C-alpha cells in the first residue's frame, strides 16, 4: 500500500487517539470507519460517527450501545483481541485495504502486541498502521518502498529467516535478525529502498 494513499477503510484501535496530521487526514477522508469496542466512546465524544463498532462490546457505554445498536457487531471470541476482530470483520465484508490508527501509545504490551499482529494481518489483507511517529508496513515478499534521502527506517523480523536490503545506509545482506533492535535505526539513501525477506517482516518509516 502506498503510504500516501487513502484507504477506503480505517480501523480506530483503543490506543492513544492520533494527533499527527497524517493519521488524522486518513480518518477524515476514510470511506468507512470501524471502531474497536474500547475506542468507540472516545471517537464518538470527539464528534466522530463510526460506520461499525466491533469487539466483545464490554467497554462501550450503555448510551452508545443504544444509540449505535444497528452498527454494533459483538464478537465474544476470547482468543483474539478487538483489533483482530475488526480486521476479520473487514475481510469478511470485502474490505481489504485497511489503515489502522490508534494502535499504539498507551500500554506498551498492547503496543507491541498490536504491531506484531500486522504480520498475521498481511496474509489476509493489504494493511498498514499509522502512528504519530510513522508508518508500519508488514511484508512477506520482495517489496519496494517509496522514500526520500535521509528517511529513518527500521526493520523488524518476525521470523528467524534471512533478509537482504537495498539502498539503505546500513545494508543487511542475507542476514537473520535475531532481535528486534538489530534492524532498527537505519536510513534511506534515496527516493526508494527495497527489502527482500524470506520470512515475515515489519518495516517502519518515520514521518518527515
Protein backbone atom coordinates (compact mmCIF):
# COMPACT_ATOMS: atom_id res chain seq x y z
CA UNK A 1 0.00 0.00 0.00
CA UNK A 2 1.35 3.41 -0.93
CA UNK A 3 1.79 5.33 2.32
CA UNK A 4 0.31 8.44 0.68
CA UNK A 5 -2.80 6.60 -0.47
CA UNK A 6 -6.04 6.92 1.43
CA UNK A 7 -7.52 3.52 2.17
CA UNK A 8 -11.25 3.08 1.94
CA UNK A 9 -11.34 1.59 5.44
CA UNK A 10 -9.84 2.91 8.68
CA UNK A 11 -9.84 0.95 11.93
CA UNK A 12 -9.55 3.04 15.09
CA UNK A 13 -7.98 0.92 17.82
CA UNK A 14 -8.06 1.57 21.54
CA UNK A 15 -4.63 3.14 21.90
CA UNK A 16 -3.89 6.85 22.00
CA UNK A 17 -6.04 8.79 19.53
CA UNK A 18 -3.71 10.28 16.89
CA UNK A 19 -2.66 13.92 16.79
CA UNK A 20 -0.34 13.87 13.75
CA UNK A 21 -1.89 15.25 10.53
CA UNK A 22 -1.17 12.09 8.51
CA UNK A 23 -3.34 9.66 10.52
CA UNK A 24 -5.88 12.40 11.20
CA UNK A 25 -6.29 13.05 7.47
CA UNK A 26 -6.84 9.33 6.88
CA UNK A 27 -9.66 9.33 9.40
CA UNK A 28 -11.17 12.44 7.82
CA UNK A 29 -11.03 11.03 4.28
CA UNK A 30 -11.98 7.43 5.05
CA UNK A 31 -14.93 5.92 3.24
CA UNK A 32 -15.64 3.51 6.09
CA UNK A 33 -14.60 3.77 9.76
CA UNK A 34 -14.59 0.86 12.18
CA UNK A 35 -14.08 1.49 15.89
CA UNK A 36 -12.73 -1.24 18.09
CA UNK A 37 -15.08 -1.58 21.04
CA UNK A 38 -12.86 0.28 23.50
CA UNK A 39 -12.18 3.16 21.08
CA UNK A 40 -15.79 3.92 20.23
CA UNK A 41 -16.66 6.07 23.24
CA UNK A 42 -13.69 8.39 22.70
CA UNK A 43 -14.22 8.72 18.94
CA UNK A 44 -17.91 9.48 19.40
CA UNK A 45 -17.11 12.02 22.15
CA UNK A 46 -14.83 13.78 19.65
CA UNK A 47 -17.77 14.16 17.28
CA UNK A 48 -16.99 11.12 15.15
CA UNK A 49 -19.62 8.79 13.76
CA UNK A 50 -18.35 5.24 13.12
CA UNK A 51 -19.78 3.01 10.42
CA UNK A 52 -19.24 -0.10 12.54
CA UNK A 53 -18.25 -0.95 16.11
CA UNK A 54 -16.58 -4.34 16.54
CA UNK A 55 -15.39 -6.26 19.60
CA UNK A 56 -16.63 -8.04 22.67
CA UNK A 57 -18.63 -4.87 23.45
CA UNK A 58 -17.77 -4.85 27.14
CA UNK A 59 -16.38 -1.29 27.06
CA UNK A 60 -18.93 0.71 25.10
CA UNK A 61 -21.20 2.92 27.21
CA UNK A 62 -24.84 1.99 27.59
CA UNK A 63 -25.82 5.26 25.90
CA UNK A 64 -23.71 4.49 22.84
CA UNK A 65 -24.78 0.84 22.87
CA UNK A 66 -28.37 2.01 22.41
CA UNK A 67 -27.59 4.87 20.03
CA UNK A 68 -25.45 2.74 17.73
CA UNK A 69 -27.21 -0.59 18.17
CA UNK A 70 -27.67 -1.03 14.43
CA UNK A 71 -23.90 -0.90 13.72
CA UNK A 72 -22.75 -2.88 16.75
CA UNK A 73 -21.11 -6.19 15.82
CA UNK A 74 -20.39 -8.18 19.01
CA UNK A 75 -17.78 -10.91 18.83
CA UNK A 76 -17.28 -12.78 22.12
CA UNK A 77 -14.21 -14.77 20.98
CA UNK A 78 -11.67 -14.51 23.82
CA UNK A 79 -8.86 -16.00 21.72
CA UNK A 80 -8.46 -12.77 19.71
CA UNK A 81 -8.39 -9.08 20.60
CA UNK A 82 -10.73 -6.39 19.31
CA UNK A 83 -8.25 -5.21 16.67
CA UNK A 84 -8.06 -8.68 15.15
CA UNK A 85 -11.83 -8.97 15.27
CA UNK A 86 -12.06 -5.66 13.39
CA UNK A 87 -9.62 -6.81 10.71
CA UNK A 88 -11.56 -10.06 10.32
CA UNK A 89 -14.78 -8.06 10.03
CA UNK A 90 -13.20 -6.02 7.21
CA UNK A 91 -12.09 -9.10 5.32
CA UNK A 92 -15.45 -10.82 5.73
CA UNK A 93 -17.09 -7.73 4.23
CA UNK A 94 -14.72 -7.42 1.30
CA UNK A 95 -12.64 -4.59 2.70
CA UNK A 96 -9.01 -5.50 2.10
CA UNK A 97 -7.30 -2.10 2.04
CA UNK A 98 -7.03 -1.14 5.69
CA UNK A 99 -5.32 1.59 7.67
CA UNK A 100 -5.08 1.10 11.43
CA UNK A 101 -4.76 4.14 13.69
CA UNK A 102 -4.72 4.34 17.47
CA UNK A 103 -2.88 1.03 17.71
CA UNK A 104 -0.08 2.37 19.92
CA UNK A 105 0.61 4.95 22.58
CA UNK A 106 -0.84 3.55 25.77
CA UNK A 107 0.24 0.29 27.45
CA UNK A 108 3.49 -0.95 25.98
CA UNK A 109 2.37 -4.59 25.99
CA UNK A 110 -0.67 -3.68 23.91
CA UNK A 111 1.53 -1.63 21.59
CA UNK A 112 3.96 -4.49 20.97
CA UNK A 113 1.13 -6.95 20.53
CA UNK A 114 -0.70 -4.78 18.01
CA UNK A 115 2.44 -4.13 15.96
CA UNK A 116 3.35 -7.82 15.87
CA UNK A 117 -0.16 -8.74 14.71
CA UNK A 118 0.43 -6.82 11.48
CA UNK A 119 2.47 -9.80 10.26
CA UNK A 120 -0.63 -12.01 10.59
CA UNK A 121 -2.95 -9.44 9.03
CA UNK A 122 -0.73 -9.20 5.93
CA UNK A 123 -1.84 -12.70 4.99
CA UNK A 124 -5.47 -11.54 4.98
CA UNK A 125 -5.42 -8.01 3.60
CA UNK A 126 -3.36 -5.03 2.50
CA UNK A 127 -2.84 -3.32 5.83
CA UNK A 128 -0.68 -0.61 7.38
CA UNK A 129 -0.57 1.03 10.80
CA UNK A 130 -0.19 4.79 11.13
CA UNK A 131 1.03 6.38 14.36
CA UNK A 132 2.04 9.86 15.42
CA UNK A 133 5.61 8.94 14.51
CA UNK A 134 5.42 6.97 11.32
CA UNK A 135 4.02 4.04 9.38
CA UNK A 136 4.36 0.29 9.96
CA UNK A 137 4.06 -1.93 6.89
CA UNK A 138 4.11 -5.75 7.08
CA UNK A 139 5.66 -7.64 4.16
CA UNK A 140 6.48 -11.26 3.33
CA UNK A 141 8.00 -10.93 -0.16
CA UNK A 142 10.32 -8.55 -2.01
CA UNK A 143 8.89 -5.05 -1.63
CA UNK A 144 9.95 -1.63 -2.93
CA UNK A 145 9.16 1.36 -0.70
CA UNK A 146 8.83 4.94 -1.85
CA UNK A 147 11.15 7.05 0.26
CA UNK A 148 13.49 10.05 0.32
CA UNK A 149 17.13 10.50 1.21
CA UNK A 150 17.55 10.53 4.96
CA UNK A 151 14.21 8.90 5.80
CA UNK A 152 14.51 6.97 9.05
CA UNK A 153 13.76 3.28 8.57
CA UNK A 154 13.61 0.31 10.94
CA UNK A 155 13.16 -3.35 10.10
CA UNK A 156 11.64 -5.87 12.50
CA UNK A 157 11.97 -9.52 11.54
CA UNK A 158 9.16 -11.70 12.86
CA UNK A 159 10.56 -14.99 11.56
CA UNK A 160 14.20 -16.08 12.07
CA UNK A 161 14.88 -16.13 8.33
CA UNK A 162 17.33 -14.34 6.07
CA UNK A 163 16.65 -10.93 4.59
CA UNK A 164 18.50 -8.53 2.33
CA UNK A 165 18.07 -4.76 1.95
CA UNK A 166 18.86 -2.42 -0.93
CA UNK A 167 19.58 1.32 -0.82
CA UNK A 168 19.73 1.66 2.95
CA UNK A 169 22.66 3.32 4.72
CA UNK A 170 23.45 0.20 6.75
CA UNK A 171 22.98 -2.76 4.38
CA UNK A 172 21.72 -6.13 5.50
CA UNK A 173 22.84 -8.97 3.23
CA UNK A 174 21.41 -12.43 3.74
CA UNK A 175 21.32 -11.99 7.49
CA UNK A 176 18.99 -13.45 10.10
CA UNK A 177 17.94 -10.78 12.60
CA UNK A 178 17.55 -12.49 15.98
CA UNK A 179 16.30 -9.49 17.96
CA UNK A 180 14.09 -6.56 17.02
CA UNK A 181 16.75 -3.91 17.76
CA UNK A 182 19.15 -5.36 15.18
CA UNK A 183 17.31 -3.92 12.18
CA UNK A 184 16.34 -0.62 13.74
CA UNK A 185 17.62 2.93 13.15
CA UNK A 186 18.56 2.62 9.51
CA UNK A 187 18.27 5.32 6.85
CA UNK A 188 17.17 5.53 3.23
CA UNK A 189 19.73 6.65 0.64
CA UNK A 190 17.30 7.88 -1.98
CA UNK A 191 13.78 8.02 -3.36
CA UNK A 192 13.23 4.31 -2.78
CA UNK A 193 14.59 1.27 -1.00
CA UNK A 194 13.71 -2.39 -1.13
CA UNK A 195 13.68 -5.38 1.19
CA UNK A 196 13.93 -8.99 0.12
CA UNK A 197 12.79 -11.22 3.02
CA UNK A 198 12.46 -14.97 3.28
CA UNK A 199 10.04 -14.63 6.22
CA UNK A 200 7.65 -12.09 7.66
CA UNK A 201 8.98 -8.59 8.28
CA UNK A 202 7.50 -5.33 9.59
CA UNK A 203 9.01 -2.11 8.22
CA UNK A 204 8.77 1.27 9.96
CA UNK A 205 9.17 4.57 8.12
CA UNK A 206 9.27 7.75 10.20
CA UNK A 207 7.17 10.77 9.22
CA UNK A 208 9.08 13.76 7.88
